[in-house]
């Protein structure tokens, strides 16, 4: 009888110890602020990087449209103005994303598991940089051709009347002004894309 009581008491103590240990682990998991904060920060970082990627994809699509418009035959003043507006919007977005990269760079930790996102951001940034260079080259070429054509048509219009090749002198001047604005906006885009590419590179390096 005595042995039975001792055995029962030992079993109760073992069970109680196991219960206290489990409760302690559960309490620690719920109340550990460091783990909760780390998980929250990690989720926020992933969300922000995904949003940056989404915005980069949108700017890439916008540049595709701009390149298609610039390579289309006989782009008029309205077409050039539309492309200029697109380039201004893209430039503004790239500068915003560059500032966002700088902010993420200050907060990101090495070996944080975010490398696949920062690598994708770097890849898209370089892609946008290449397309921006093409846009700038197209705009510069069009501006140069527009100046030559304007001079030729101005001489022709002076000899044969107000019109040259179906365009008035006013229309020719408006076209040249649109080309100048386009070339300027393309150069600004080029600068914004270079800045984005640089910050994306440093962000990727910091996350490795």
N, C-alpha and C. Protein backbone atom coordinates (compact mmCIF):
# COMPACT_ATOMS: atom_id res chain seq x y z
N UNK A 1 0.83 -1.21 0.00
CA UNK A 1 0.00 0.00 0.00
C UNK A 1 0.86 1.26 0.00
N UNK A 2 1.90 1.23 0.83
CA UNK A 2 2.81 2.38 0.92
C UNK A 2 3.50 2.62 -0.41
N UNK A 3 3.95 1.55 -1.08
CA UNK A 3 4.61 1.68 -2.38
C UNK A 3 3.67 2.26 -3.42
N UNK A 4 2.42 1.87 -3.33
CA UNK A 4 1.42 2.37 -4.28
C UNK A 4 1.24 3.87 -4.14
N UNK A 5 1.18 4.34 -2.88
CA UNK A 5 1.02 5.78 -2.63
C UNK A 5 2.21 6.57 -3.14
N UNK A 6 3.40 6.01 -2.91
CA UNK A 6 4.63 6.69 -3.39
C UNK A 6 4.64 6.80 -4.90
N UNK A 7 4.27 5.72 -5.57
CA UNK A 7 4.25 5.71 -7.03
C UNK A 7 3.24 6.71 -7.57
N UNK A 8 2.10 6.78 -6.95
CA UNK A 8 1.05 7.72 -7.38
C UNK A 8 1.52 9.17 -7.21
N UNK A 9 2.16 9.46 -6.09
CA UNK A 9 2.66 10.81 -5.83
C UNK A 9 3.72 11.22 -6.84
N UNK A 10 4.60 10.29 -7.19
CA UNK A 10 5.65 10.58 -8.18
C UNK A 10 5.04 10.89 -9.53
N UNK A 11 4.01 10.13 -9.89
CA UNK A 11 3.35 10.35 -11.17
C UNK A 11 2.70 11.74 -11.22
N UNK A 12 2.09 12.14 -10.11
CA UNK A 12 1.46 13.46 -10.04
C UNK A 12 2.50 14.56 -10.17
N UNK A 13 3.64 14.40 -9.53
CA UNK A 13 4.70 15.41 -9.62
C UNK A 13 5.24 15.54 -11.03
N UNK A 14 5.43 14.41 -11.71
CA UNK A 14 5.92 14.42 -13.09
C UNK A 14 4.93 15.13 -14.01
N UNK A 15 3.66 14.80 -13.84
CA UNK A 15 2.63 15.42 -14.67
C UNK A 15 2.54 16.91 -14.42
N UNK A 16 2.64 17.30 -13.15
CA UNK A 16 2.57 18.73 -12.81
C UNK A 16 3.75 19.49 -13.39
N UNK A 17 4.95 18.88 -13.31
CA UNK A 17 6.15 19.53 -13.86
C UNK A 17 6.02 19.73 -15.35
N UNK A 18 5.49 18.70 -16.04
CA UNK A 18 5.32 18.80 -17.49
C UNK A 18 4.31 19.88 -17.84
N UNK A 19 3.26 19.97 -17.04
CA UNK A 19 2.25 21.00 -17.30
C UNK A 19 2.79 22.39 -17.10
N UNK A 20 3.56 22.60 -16.03
CA UNK A 20 4.16 23.91 -15.78
C UNK A 20 5.14 24.29 -16.90
N UNK A 21 5.89 23.31 -17.36
CA UNK A 21 6.88 23.58 -18.42
C UNK A 21 6.17 24.00 -19.70
N UNK A 22 5.09 23.28 -20.04
CA UNK A 22 4.34 23.61 -21.26
C UNK A 22 3.72 24.99 -21.15
N UNK A 23 3.18 25.29 -19.97
CA UNK A 23 2.57 26.61 -19.76
C UNK A 23 3.61 27.71 -19.87
N UNK A 24 4.80 27.44 -19.31
CA UNK A 24 5.87 28.42 -19.38
C UNK A 24 6.30 28.69 -20.81
N UNK A 25 6.37 27.61 -21.63
CA UNK A 25 6.76 27.77 -23.03
C UNK A 25 5.70 28.58 -23.78
N UNK A 26 4.42 28.27 -23.53
CA UNK A 26 3.35 28.98 -24.20
C UNK A 26 3.34 30.45 -23.83
N UNK A 27 3.53 30.71 -22.52
CA UNK A 27 3.57 32.09 -22.05
C UNK A 27 4.72 32.86 -22.65
N UNK A 28 5.89 32.20 -22.74
CA UNK A 28 7.06 32.85 -23.31
C UNK A 28 6.86 33.17 -24.78
N UNK A 29 6.21 32.24 -25.52
CA UNK A 29 5.99 32.46 -26.95
C UNK A 29 5.05 33.63 -27.18
N UNK A 30 4.06 33.79 -26.33
CA UNK A 30 3.08 34.85 -26.50
C UNK A 30 3.64 36.20 -26.10
N UNK A 31 4.45 36.22 -25.06
CA UNK A 31 4.86 37.49 -24.48
C UNK A 31 6.26 37.94 -24.91
N UNK A 32 6.92 37.21 -25.81
CA UNK A 32 8.26 37.60 -26.23
C UNK A 32 8.16 38.76 -27.22
N UNK A 33 8.43 39.99 -26.80
CA UNK A 33 8.27 41.14 -27.71
C UNK A 33 9.30 41.18 -28.82
N UNK A 34 10.49 40.64 -28.56
CA UNK A 34 11.54 40.67 -29.59
C UNK A 34 11.16 39.82 -30.79
N UNK A 35 10.65 38.62 -30.54
CA UNK A 35 10.25 37.74 -31.63
C UNK A 35 9.07 38.32 -32.41
N UNK A 36 8.12 38.89 -31.68
CA UNK A 36 6.95 39.49 -32.32
C UNK A 36 7.36 40.68 -33.20
N UNK A 37 8.25 41.51 -32.68
CA UNK A 37 8.70 42.68 -33.44
C UNK A 37 9.48 42.27 -34.68
N UNK A 38 10.33 41.25 -34.54
CA UNK A 38 11.13 40.78 -35.69
C UNK A 38 10.23 40.24 -36.78
N UNK A 39 9.21 39.46 -36.37
CA UNK A 39 8.30 38.90 -37.36
C UNK A 39 7.49 40.00 -38.05
N UNK A 40 7.06 41.00 -37.28
CA UNK A 40 6.29 42.11 -37.85
C UNK A 40 7.14 42.92 -38.82
N UNK A 41 8.38 43.21 -38.43
CA UNK A 41 9.28 43.97 -39.30
C UNK A 41 9.59 43.20 -40.58
N UNK A 42 9.77 41.88 -40.46
CA UNK A 42 10.05 41.07 -41.64
C UNK A 42 8.89 41.08 -42.60
N UNK A 43 7.67 40.95 -42.08
CA UNK A 43 6.48 40.98 -42.93
C UNK A 43 6.34 42.33 -43.62
N UNK A 44 6.62 43.40 -42.89
CA UNK A 44 6.53 44.75 -43.47
C UNK A 44 7.57 44.94 -44.56
N UNK A 45 8.78 44.43 -44.36
CA UNK A 45 9.84 44.56 -45.36
C UNK A 45 9.47 43.83 -46.64
N UNK A 46 8.95 42.62 -46.51
CA UNK A 46 8.54 41.86 -47.69
C UNK A 46 7.43 42.60 -48.43
N UNK A 47 6.50 43.14 -47.71
CA UNK A 47 5.39 43.87 -48.33
C UNK A 47 5.89 45.08 -49.11
N UNK A 48 6.81 45.83 -48.52
CA UNK A 48 7.35 47.02 -49.17
C UNK A 48 8.16 46.67 -50.41
N UNK A 49 8.97 45.62 -50.31
CA UNK A 49 9.78 45.21 -51.45
C UNK A 49 8.90 44.70 -52.59
N UNK A 50 7.85 43.99 -52.26
CA UNK A 50 6.92 43.52 -53.29
C UNK A 50 6.22 44.70 -53.97
N UNK A 51 5.88 45.70 -53.18
CA UNK A 51 5.24 46.89 -53.74
C UNK A 51 6.21 47.64 -54.66
N UNK A 52 7.48 47.70 -54.27
CA UNK A 52 8.49 48.32 -55.13
C UNK A 52 8.60 47.58 -56.46
N UNK A 53 8.60 46.26 -56.39
CA UNK A 53 8.66 45.45 -57.61
C UNK A 53 7.47 45.72 -58.51
N UNK A 54 6.29 45.79 -57.91
CA UNK A 54 5.07 46.05 -58.68
C UNK A 54 5.17 47.40 -59.40
N UNK A 55 5.66 48.41 -58.69
CA UNK A 55 5.79 49.74 -59.29
C UNK A 55 6.83 49.74 -60.41
N UNK A 56 7.90 48.97 -60.25
CA UNK A 56 8.92 48.88 -61.30
C UNK A 56 8.36 48.24 -62.56
N UNK A 57 7.55 47.22 -62.39
CA UNK A 57 6.93 46.57 -63.54
C UNK A 57 6.04 47.56 -64.29
N UNK A 58 5.31 48.38 -63.55
CA UNK A 58 4.44 49.38 -64.18
C UNK A 58 5.26 50.40 -64.98
N UNK A 59 6.38 50.84 -64.42
CA UNK A 59 7.22 51.81 -65.13
C UNK A 59 7.85 51.18 -66.37
N UNK A 60 8.18 49.90 -66.27
CA UNK A 60 8.73 49.17 -67.42
C UNK A 60 7.72 49.14 -68.55
N UNK A 61 6.46 48.91 -68.23
CA UNK A 61 5.40 48.89 -69.24
C UNK A 61 5.22 50.28 -69.86
N UNK A 62 5.33 51.31 -69.03
CA UNK A 62 5.19 52.68 -69.54
C UNK A 62 6.30 53.01 -70.52
N UNK A 63 7.53 52.57 -70.22
CA UNK A 63 8.64 52.83 -71.14
C UNK A 63 8.48 52.05 -72.44
N UNK A 64 7.92 50.86 -72.37
CA UNK A 64 7.64 50.11 -73.60
C UNK A 64 6.70 50.91 -74.50
N UNK A 65 5.68 51.50 -73.89
CA UNK A 65 4.75 52.32 -74.66
C UNK A 65 5.42 53.55 -75.26
N UNK A 66 6.31 54.17 -74.50
CA UNK A 66 7.02 55.36 -74.99
C UNK A 66 7.92 55.00 -76.17
N UNK A 67 8.62 53.88 -76.06
CA UNK A 67 9.51 53.45 -77.14
C UNK A 67 8.70 53.13 -78.40
N UNK A 68 7.56 52.48 -78.22
CA UNK A 68 6.71 52.17 -79.37
C UNK A 68 6.23 53.45 -80.06
N UNK A 69 5.89 54.47 -79.27
CA UNK A 69 5.43 55.74 -79.85
C UNK A 69 6.56 56.46 -80.57
N UNK A 70 7.77 56.40 -80.01
CA UNK A 70 8.91 57.10 -80.63
C UNK A 70 9.41 56.41 -81.89
N UNK A 71 9.18 55.12 -81.99
CA UNK A 71 9.63 54.39 -83.18
C UNK A 71 8.54 54.29 -84.24
N UNK A 72 7.34 54.80 -83.93
CA UNK A 72 6.26 54.80 -84.92
C UNK A 72 6.53 55.87 -85.98
N UNK A 73 6.12 55.65 -87.22
CA UNK A 73 6.37 56.65 -88.27
C UNK A 73 5.52 57.90 -88.07
N UNK A 74 6.12 59.05 -88.36
CA UNK A 74 5.43 60.33 -88.37
C UNK A 74 4.74 60.66 -87.04
N UNK A 75 5.50 60.69 -85.99
CA UNK A 75 4.94 61.10 -84.70
C UNK A 75 4.70 62.60 -84.72
N UNK A 76 3.47 63.01 -84.43
CA UNK A 76 3.11 64.42 -84.46
C UNK A 76 3.36 65.11 -83.14
N UNK A 77 3.01 66.41 -83.11
CA UNK A 77 3.24 67.21 -81.90
C UNK A 77 2.49 66.64 -80.71
N UNK A 78 1.24 66.22 -80.90
CA UNK A 78 0.45 65.66 -79.80
C UNK A 78 1.05 64.35 -79.30
N UNK A 79 1.55 63.54 -80.24
CA UNK A 79 2.18 62.28 -79.85
C UNK A 79 3.42 62.54 -79.01
N UNK A 80 4.23 63.50 -79.43
CA UNK A 80 5.45 63.83 -78.69
C UNK A 80 5.12 64.38 -77.31
N UNK A 81 4.06 65.19 -77.23
CA UNK A 81 3.66 65.76 -75.94
C UNK A 81 3.19 64.64 -74.99
N UNK A 82 2.51 63.66 -75.54
CA UNK A 82 2.04 62.53 -74.72
C UNK A 82 3.23 61.72 -74.19
N UNK A 83 4.23 61.51 -75.05
CA UNK A 83 5.42 60.77 -74.62
C UNK A 83 6.17 61.56 -73.56
N UNK A 84 6.28 62.87 -73.73
CA UNK A 84 6.96 63.71 -72.73
C UNK A 84 6.26 63.59 -71.37
N UNK A 85 4.94 63.61 -71.39
CA UNK A 85 4.18 63.48 -70.14
C UNK A 85 4.45 62.13 -69.48
N UNK A 86 4.53 61.09 -70.30
CA UNK A 86 4.83 59.75 -69.76
C UNK A 86 6.21 59.71 -69.14
N UNK A 87 7.19 60.31 -69.82
CA UNK A 87 8.56 60.31 -69.30
C UNK A 87 8.66 61.07 -67.98
N UNK A 88 7.92 62.16 -67.86
CA UNK A 88 7.92 62.92 -66.61
C UNK A 88 7.35 62.08 -65.47
N UNK A 89 6.27 61.37 -65.77
CA UNK A 89 5.64 60.52 -64.74
C UNK A 89 6.58 59.40 -64.31
N UNK A 90 7.22 58.76 -65.28
CA UNK A 90 8.15 57.67 -64.98
C UNK A 90 9.35 58.20 -64.18
N UNK A 91 9.87 59.35 -64.57
CA UNK A 91 11.02 59.94 -63.85
C UNK A 91 10.66 60.19 -62.40
N UNK A 92 9.48 60.74 -62.17
CA UNK A 92 9.04 61.01 -60.80
C UNK A 92 8.92 59.72 -60.00
N UNK A 93 8.38 58.68 -60.63
CA UNK A 93 8.23 57.39 -59.95
C UNK A 93 9.59 56.77 -59.62
N UNK A 94 10.54 56.87 -60.54
CA UNK A 94 11.86 56.30 -60.31
C UNK A 94 12.59 57.03 -59.19
N UNK A 95 12.43 58.33 -59.12
CA UNK A 95 13.07 59.08 -58.02
C UNK A 95 12.44 58.69 -56.68
N UNK A 96 11.13 58.48 -56.68
CA UNK A 96 10.45 58.04 -55.46
C UNK A 96 10.95 56.66 -55.02
N UNK A 97 11.07 55.75 -55.98
CA UNK A 97 11.53 54.40 -55.67
C UNK A 97 12.99 54.40 -55.23
N UNK A 98 13.78 55.31 -55.77
CA UNK A 98 15.18 55.42 -55.35
C UNK A 98 15.25 55.86 -53.88
N UNK A 99 14.43 56.83 -53.50
CA UNK A 99 14.39 57.26 -52.10
C UNK A 99 13.88 56.14 -51.21
N UNK A 100 12.98 55.36 -51.72
CA UNK A 100 12.46 54.22 -50.96
C UNK A 100 13.54 53.16 -50.75
N UNK A 101 14.35 52.95 -51.77
CA UNK A 101 15.48 52.03 -51.64
C UNK A 101 16.46 52.49 -50.56
N UNK A 102 16.72 53.78 -50.52
CA UNK A 102 17.64 54.32 -49.51
C UNK A 102 17.10 54.08 -48.11
N UNK A 103 15.80 54.25 -47.94
CA UNK A 103 15.19 54.02 -46.64
C UNK A 103 15.28 52.54 -46.26
N UNK A 104 15.01 51.65 -47.23
CA UNK A 104 15.10 50.22 -46.96
C UNK A 104 16.53 49.80 -46.68
N UNK A 105 17.48 50.44 -47.33
CA UNK A 105 18.91 50.13 -47.15
C UNK A 105 19.33 50.38 -45.70
N UNK A 106 18.79 51.44 -45.10
CA UNK A 106 19.15 51.78 -43.73
C UNK A 106 18.58 50.79 -42.72
N UNK A 107 17.50 50.09 -43.10
CA UNK A 107 16.83 49.21 -42.15
C UNK A 107 17.10 47.72 -42.39
N UNK A 108 17.54 47.36 -43.58
CA UNK A 108 17.67 45.94 -43.92
C UNK A 108 18.86 45.31 -43.20
N UNK A 109 18.72 44.02 -42.89
CA UNK A 109 19.76 43.28 -42.20
C UNK A 109 20.36 42.22 -43.13
N UNK A 110 21.67 41.98 -43.04
CA UNK A 110 22.27 40.92 -43.86
C UNK A 110 21.65 39.56 -43.53
N UNK A 111 21.61 38.69 -44.52
CA UNK A 111 21.08 37.33 -44.35
C UNK A 111 19.66 37.36 -43.78
N UNK A 112 18.86 38.32 -44.23
CA UNK A 112 17.50 38.47 -43.72
C UNK A 112 16.48 37.66 -44.52
N UNK A 113 16.96 36.96 -45.56
CA UNK A 113 16.05 36.18 -46.39
C UNK A 113 15.31 37.01 -47.43
N UNK A 114 15.75 38.25 -47.64
CA UNK A 114 15.08 39.14 -48.59
C UNK A 114 15.85 39.29 -49.89
N UNK A 115 16.89 38.49 -50.05
CA UNK A 115 17.77 38.63 -51.22
C UNK A 115 17.04 38.42 -52.53
N UNK A 116 16.11 37.49 -52.57
CA UNK A 116 15.40 37.24 -53.84
C UNK A 116 14.59 38.45 -54.27
N UNK A 117 14.08 39.22 -53.30
CA UNK A 117 13.34 40.43 -53.65
C UNK A 117 14.27 41.54 -54.08
N UNK A 118 15.35 41.75 -53.33
CA UNK A 118 16.29 42.82 -53.69
C UNK A 118 17.00 42.52 -55.00
N UNK A 119 17.24 41.24 -55.29
CA UNK A 119 17.85 40.87 -56.56
C UNK A 119 16.91 41.16 -57.72
N UNK A 120 15.62 40.89 -57.52
CA UNK A 120 14.63 41.18 -58.56
C UNK A 120 14.50 42.68 -58.79
N UNK A 121 14.57 43.46 -57.70
CA UNK A 121 14.52 44.91 -57.82
C UNK A 121 15.73 45.43 -58.61
N UNK A 122 16.90 44.88 -58.32
CA UNK A 122 18.11 45.27 -59.05
C UNK A 122 18.00 44.92 -60.52
N UNK A 123 17.48 43.74 -60.82
CA UNK A 123 17.33 43.30 -62.21
C UNK A 123 16.40 44.23 -62.99
N UNK A 124 15.26 44.57 -62.40
CA UNK A 124 14.32 45.47 -63.07
C UNK A 124 14.88 46.88 -63.19
N UNK A 125 15.63 47.33 -62.19
CA UNK A 125 16.22 48.66 -62.24
C UNK A 125 17.21 48.77 -63.40
N UNK A 126 18.00 47.74 -63.58
CA UNK A 126 18.96 47.73 -64.70
C UNK A 126 18.24 47.67 -66.04
N UNK A 127 17.14 46.94 -66.07
CA UNK A 127 16.34 46.86 -67.29
C UNK A 127 15.76 48.23 -67.64
N UNK A 128 15.24 48.91 -66.64
CA UNK A 128 14.71 50.26 -66.85
C UNK A 128 15.81 51.23 -67.27
N UNK A 129 17.00 51.04 -66.73
CA UNK A 129 18.12 51.90 -67.10
C UNK A 129 18.48 51.74 -68.57
N UNK A 130 18.45 50.51 -69.05
CA UNK A 130 18.73 50.27 -70.47
C UNK A 130 17.66 50.88 -71.37
N UNK A 131 16.41 50.74 -70.97
CA UNK A 131 15.32 51.30 -71.77
C UNK A 131 15.35 52.83 -71.73
N UNK A 132 15.72 53.39 -70.60
CA UNK A 132 15.84 54.84 -70.50
C UNK A 132 16.93 55.36 -71.43
N UNK A 133 18.01 54.62 -71.53
CA UNK A 133 19.09 55.00 -72.44
C UNK A 133 18.60 54.97 -73.89
N UNK A 134 17.79 53.98 -74.21
CA UNK A 134 17.25 53.91 -75.58
C UNK A 134 16.30 55.06 -75.86
N UNK A 135 15.46 55.38 -74.89
CA UNK A 135 14.54 56.51 -75.05
C UNK A 135 15.33 57.80 -75.26
N UNK A 136 16.38 58.01 -74.47
CA UNK A 136 17.19 59.22 -74.61
C UNK A 136 17.85 59.29 -75.98
N UNK A 137 18.34 58.14 -76.48
CA UNK A 137 18.97 58.11 -77.79
C UNK A 137 17.96 58.42 -78.90
N UNK A 138 16.77 57.84 -78.80
CA UNK A 138 15.73 58.09 -79.79
C UNK A 138 15.31 59.56 -79.79
N UNK A 139 15.14 60.12 -78.59
CA UNK A 139 14.72 61.52 -78.48
C UNK A 139 15.79 62.46 -79.05
N UNK A 140 17.05 62.17 -78.75
CA UNK A 140 18.13 63.02 -79.26
C UNK A 140 18.22 62.95 -80.77
N UNK A 141 18.05 61.74 -81.32
CA UNK A 141 18.09 61.58 -82.77
C UNK A 141 16.93 62.31 -83.43
N UNK A 142 15.75 62.21 -82.83
CA UNK A 142 14.58 62.89 -83.39
C UNK A 142 14.73 64.40 -83.32
N UNK A 143 15.31 64.89 -82.22
CA UNK A 143 15.51 66.33 -82.08
C UNK A 143 16.49 66.84 -83.13
N UNK A 144 17.56 66.07 -83.36
CA UNK A 144 18.53 66.46 -84.39
C UNK A 144 17.92 66.45 -85.78
N UNK A 145 17.16 65.41 -86.08
CA UNK A 145 16.50 65.33 -87.39
C UNK A 145 15.46 66.43 -87.54
N UNK A 146 14.78 66.76 -86.43
CA UNK A 146 13.76 67.81 -86.49
C UNK A 146 14.36 69.17 -86.80
N UNK A 147 15.55 69.45 -86.23
CA UNK A 147 16.21 70.72 -86.51
C UNK A 147 16.59 70.82 -88.00
N UNK A 148 17.13 69.75 -88.54
CA UNK A 148 17.53 69.76 -89.95
C UNK A 148 16.32 69.90 -90.86
N UNK A 149 15.27 69.15 -90.54
CA UNK A 149 14.06 69.22 -91.36
C UNK A 149 13.42 70.60 -91.25
N UNK A 150 13.45 71.18 -90.05
CA UNK A 150 12.86 72.50 -89.87
C UNK A 150 13.58 73.56 -90.68
N UNK A 151 14.90 73.50 -90.70
CA UNK A 151 15.67 74.46 -91.48
C UNK A 151 15.38 74.29 -92.97
N UNK A 152 15.32 73.05 -93.43
CA UNK A 152 15.06 72.79 -94.84
C UNK A 152 13.67 73.26 -95.24
N UNK A 153 12.68 72.95 -94.37
CA UNK A 153 11.31 73.33 -94.69
C UNK A 153 11.09 74.83 -94.58
N UNK A 154 11.83 75.47 -93.66
CA UNK A 154 11.70 76.92 -93.52
C UNK A 154 12.19 77.61 -94.79
N UNK A 155 13.29 77.13 -95.35
CA UNK A 155 13.80 77.69 -96.61
C UNK A 155 12.81 77.45 -97.73
N UNK A 156 12.26 76.25 -97.77
CA UNK A 156 11.30 75.89 -98.81
C UNK A 156 10.03 76.72 -98.70
N UNK A 157 9.58 76.94 -97.48
CA UNK A 157 8.36 77.73 -97.29
C UNK A 157 8.59 79.18 -97.69
N UNK A 158 9.81 79.70 -97.47
CA UNK A 158 10.12 81.07 -97.86
C UNK A 158 10.12 81.25 -99.37
N UNK A 159 10.47 80.19 -100.08
CA UNK A 159 10.53 80.28 -101.54
C UNK A 159 9.17 80.07 -102.18
N UNK A 160 8.37 79.18 -101.58
CA UNK A 160 7.14 78.75 -102.26
C UNK A 160 5.87 79.16 -101.54
N UNK A 161 5.97 80.00 -100.49
CA UNK A 161 4.76 80.44 -99.82
C UNK A 161 4.76 80.04 -98.36
N UNK A 162 3.58 80.07 -97.76
CA UNK A 162 3.46 79.83 -96.32
C UNK A 162 3.60 78.36 -95.94
N UNK A 163 3.34 77.46 -96.89
CA UNK A 163 3.36 76.04 -96.55
C UNK A 163 4.55 75.33 -97.19
N UNK A 164 5.03 74.32 -96.49
CA UNK A 164 6.09 73.47 -97.03
C UNK A 164 5.76 72.05 -96.64
N UNK A 165 5.58 71.21 -97.66
CA UNK A 165 5.23 69.81 -97.42
C UNK A 165 3.96 69.67 -96.58
N UNK A 166 3.00 70.53 -96.85
CA UNK A 166 1.71 70.43 -96.18
C UNK A 166 1.68 70.99 -94.78
N UNK A 167 2.75 71.61 -94.31
CA UNK A 167 2.80 72.15 -92.95
C UNK A 167 3.10 73.64 -92.99
N UNK A 168 2.46 74.37 -92.11
CA UNK A 168 2.75 75.79 -92.00
C UNK A 168 4.02 75.97 -91.18
N UNK A 169 4.59 77.14 -91.23
CA UNK A 169 5.79 77.44 -90.46
C UNK A 169 5.51 77.34 -88.96
N UNK A 170 4.31 77.74 -88.56
CA UNK A 170 3.91 77.65 -87.14
C UNK A 170 3.90 76.20 -86.67
N UNK A 171 3.39 75.31 -87.50
CA UNK A 171 3.36 73.89 -87.15
C UNK A 171 4.77 73.32 -87.04
N UNK A 172 5.64 73.75 -87.93
CA UNK A 172 7.02 73.27 -87.89
C UNK A 172 7.72 73.73 -86.62
N UNK A 173 7.50 74.98 -86.23
CA UNK A 173 8.11 75.49 -85.01
C UNK A 173 7.56 74.77 -83.77
N UNK A 174 6.27 74.49 -83.78
CA UNK A 174 5.66 73.77 -82.66
C UNK A 174 6.24 72.36 -82.55
N UNK A 175 6.47 71.73 -83.70
CA UNK A 175 7.06 70.39 -83.72
C UNK A 175 8.47 70.42 -83.15
N UNK A 176 9.23 71.42 -83.52
CA UNK A 176 10.60 71.53 -83.01
C UNK A 176 10.62 71.75 -81.50
N UNK A 177 9.69 72.57 -81.00
CA UNK A 177 9.62 72.81 -79.56
C UNK A 177 9.24 71.53 -78.82
N UNK A 178 8.34 70.75 -79.40
CA UNK A 178 7.94 69.48 -78.80
C UNK A 178 9.12 68.51 -78.75
N UNK A 179 9.95 68.52 -79.78
CA UNK A 179 11.13 67.65 -79.81
C UNK A 179 12.16 68.08 -78.76
N UNK A 180 12.31 69.39 -78.58
CA UNK A 180 13.24 69.88 -77.56
C UNK A 180 12.79 69.46 -76.16
N UNK A 181 11.49 69.60 -75.90
CA UNK A 181 10.96 69.20 -74.58
C UNK A 181 11.13 67.70 -74.38
N UNK A 182 10.90 66.94 -75.44
CA UNK A 182 11.05 65.49 -75.36
C UNK A 182 12.49 65.10 -75.01
N UNK A 183 13.45 65.73 -75.69
CA UNK A 183 14.86 65.43 -75.43
C UNK A 183 15.24 65.79 -73.99
N UNK A 184 14.72 66.91 -73.48
CA UNK A 184 15.01 67.32 -72.11
C UNK A 184 14.41 66.34 -71.11
N UNK A 185 13.17 65.93 -71.34
CA UNK A 185 12.51 64.98 -70.44
C UNK A 185 13.21 63.62 -70.48
N UNK A 186 13.72 63.26 -71.64
CA UNK A 186 14.44 61.99 -71.77
C UNK A 186 15.75 62.02 -70.98
N UNK A 187 16.43 63.16 -70.99
CA UNK A 187 17.68 63.29 -70.22
C UNK A 187 17.39 63.21 -68.72
N UNK A 188 16.31 63.82 -68.28
CA UNK A 188 15.93 63.75 -66.86
C UNK A 188 15.58 62.31 -66.47
N UNK A 189 14.91 61.61 -67.37
CA UNK A 189 14.60 60.20 -67.13
C UNK A 189 15.87 59.39 -66.99
N UNK A 190 16.84 59.69 -67.83
CA UNK A 190 18.12 58.98 -67.79
C UNK A 190 18.79 59.16 -66.43
N UNK A 191 18.78 60.36 -65.92
CA UNK A 191 19.37 60.61 -64.61
C UNK A 191 18.64 59.88 -63.50
N UNK A 192 17.30 59.87 -63.57
CA UNK A 192 16.51 59.19 -62.54
C UNK A 192 16.75 57.69 -62.57
N UNK A 193 16.87 57.13 -63.76
CA UNK A 193 17.07 55.68 -63.88
C UNK A 193 18.46 55.28 -63.39
N UNK A 194 19.45 56.12 -63.60
CA UNK A 194 20.79 55.83 -63.08
C UNK A 194 20.80 55.84 -61.56
N UNK A 195 20.11 56.83 -60.98
CA UNK A 195 20.03 56.89 -59.53
C UNK A 195 19.34 55.67 -58.94
N UNK A 196 18.27 55.23 -59.58
CA UNK A 196 17.56 54.04 -59.11
C UNK A 196 18.43 52.81 -59.20
N UNK A 197 19.15 52.67 -60.30
CA UNK A 197 20.02 51.51 -60.48
C UNK A 197 21.10 51.46 -59.39
N UNK A 198 21.63 52.62 -59.03
CA UNK A 198 22.67 52.68 -57.99
C UNK A 198 22.12 52.29 -56.62
N UNK A 199 20.97 52.84 -56.24
CA UNK A 199 20.40 52.51 -54.93
C UNK A 199 19.95 51.04 -54.87
N UNK A 200 19.48 50.52 -55.99
CA UNK A 200 19.06 49.11 -56.03
C UNK A 200 20.26 48.18 -55.84
N UNK A 201 21.39 48.57 -56.41
CA UNK A 201 22.60 47.77 -56.25
C UNK A 201 23.04 47.71 -54.79
N UNK A 202 23.05 48.87 -54.12
CA UNK A 202 23.47 48.91 -52.72
C UNK A 202 22.48 48.18 -51.82
N UNK A 203 21.20 48.25 -52.16
CA UNK A 203 20.19 47.53 -51.37
C UNK A 203 20.40 46.02 -51.47
N UNK A 204 20.70 45.56 -52.67
CA UNK A 204 20.96 44.12 -52.87
C UNK A 204 22.20 43.68 -52.10
N UNK A 205 23.25 44.48 -52.16
CA UNK A 205 24.48 44.14 -51.45
C UNK A 205 24.24 44.08 -49.95
N UNK A 206 23.46 45.01 -49.41
CA UNK A 206 23.20 45.05 -47.97
C UNK A 206 22.38 43.86 -47.50
N UNK A 207 21.58 43.30 -48.38
CA UNK A 207 20.70 42.18 -47.97
C UNK A 207 21.38 40.83 -48.06
N UNK A 208 22.57 40.76 -48.66
CA UNK A 208 23.24 39.46 -48.86
C UNK A 208 23.83 38.94 -47.54
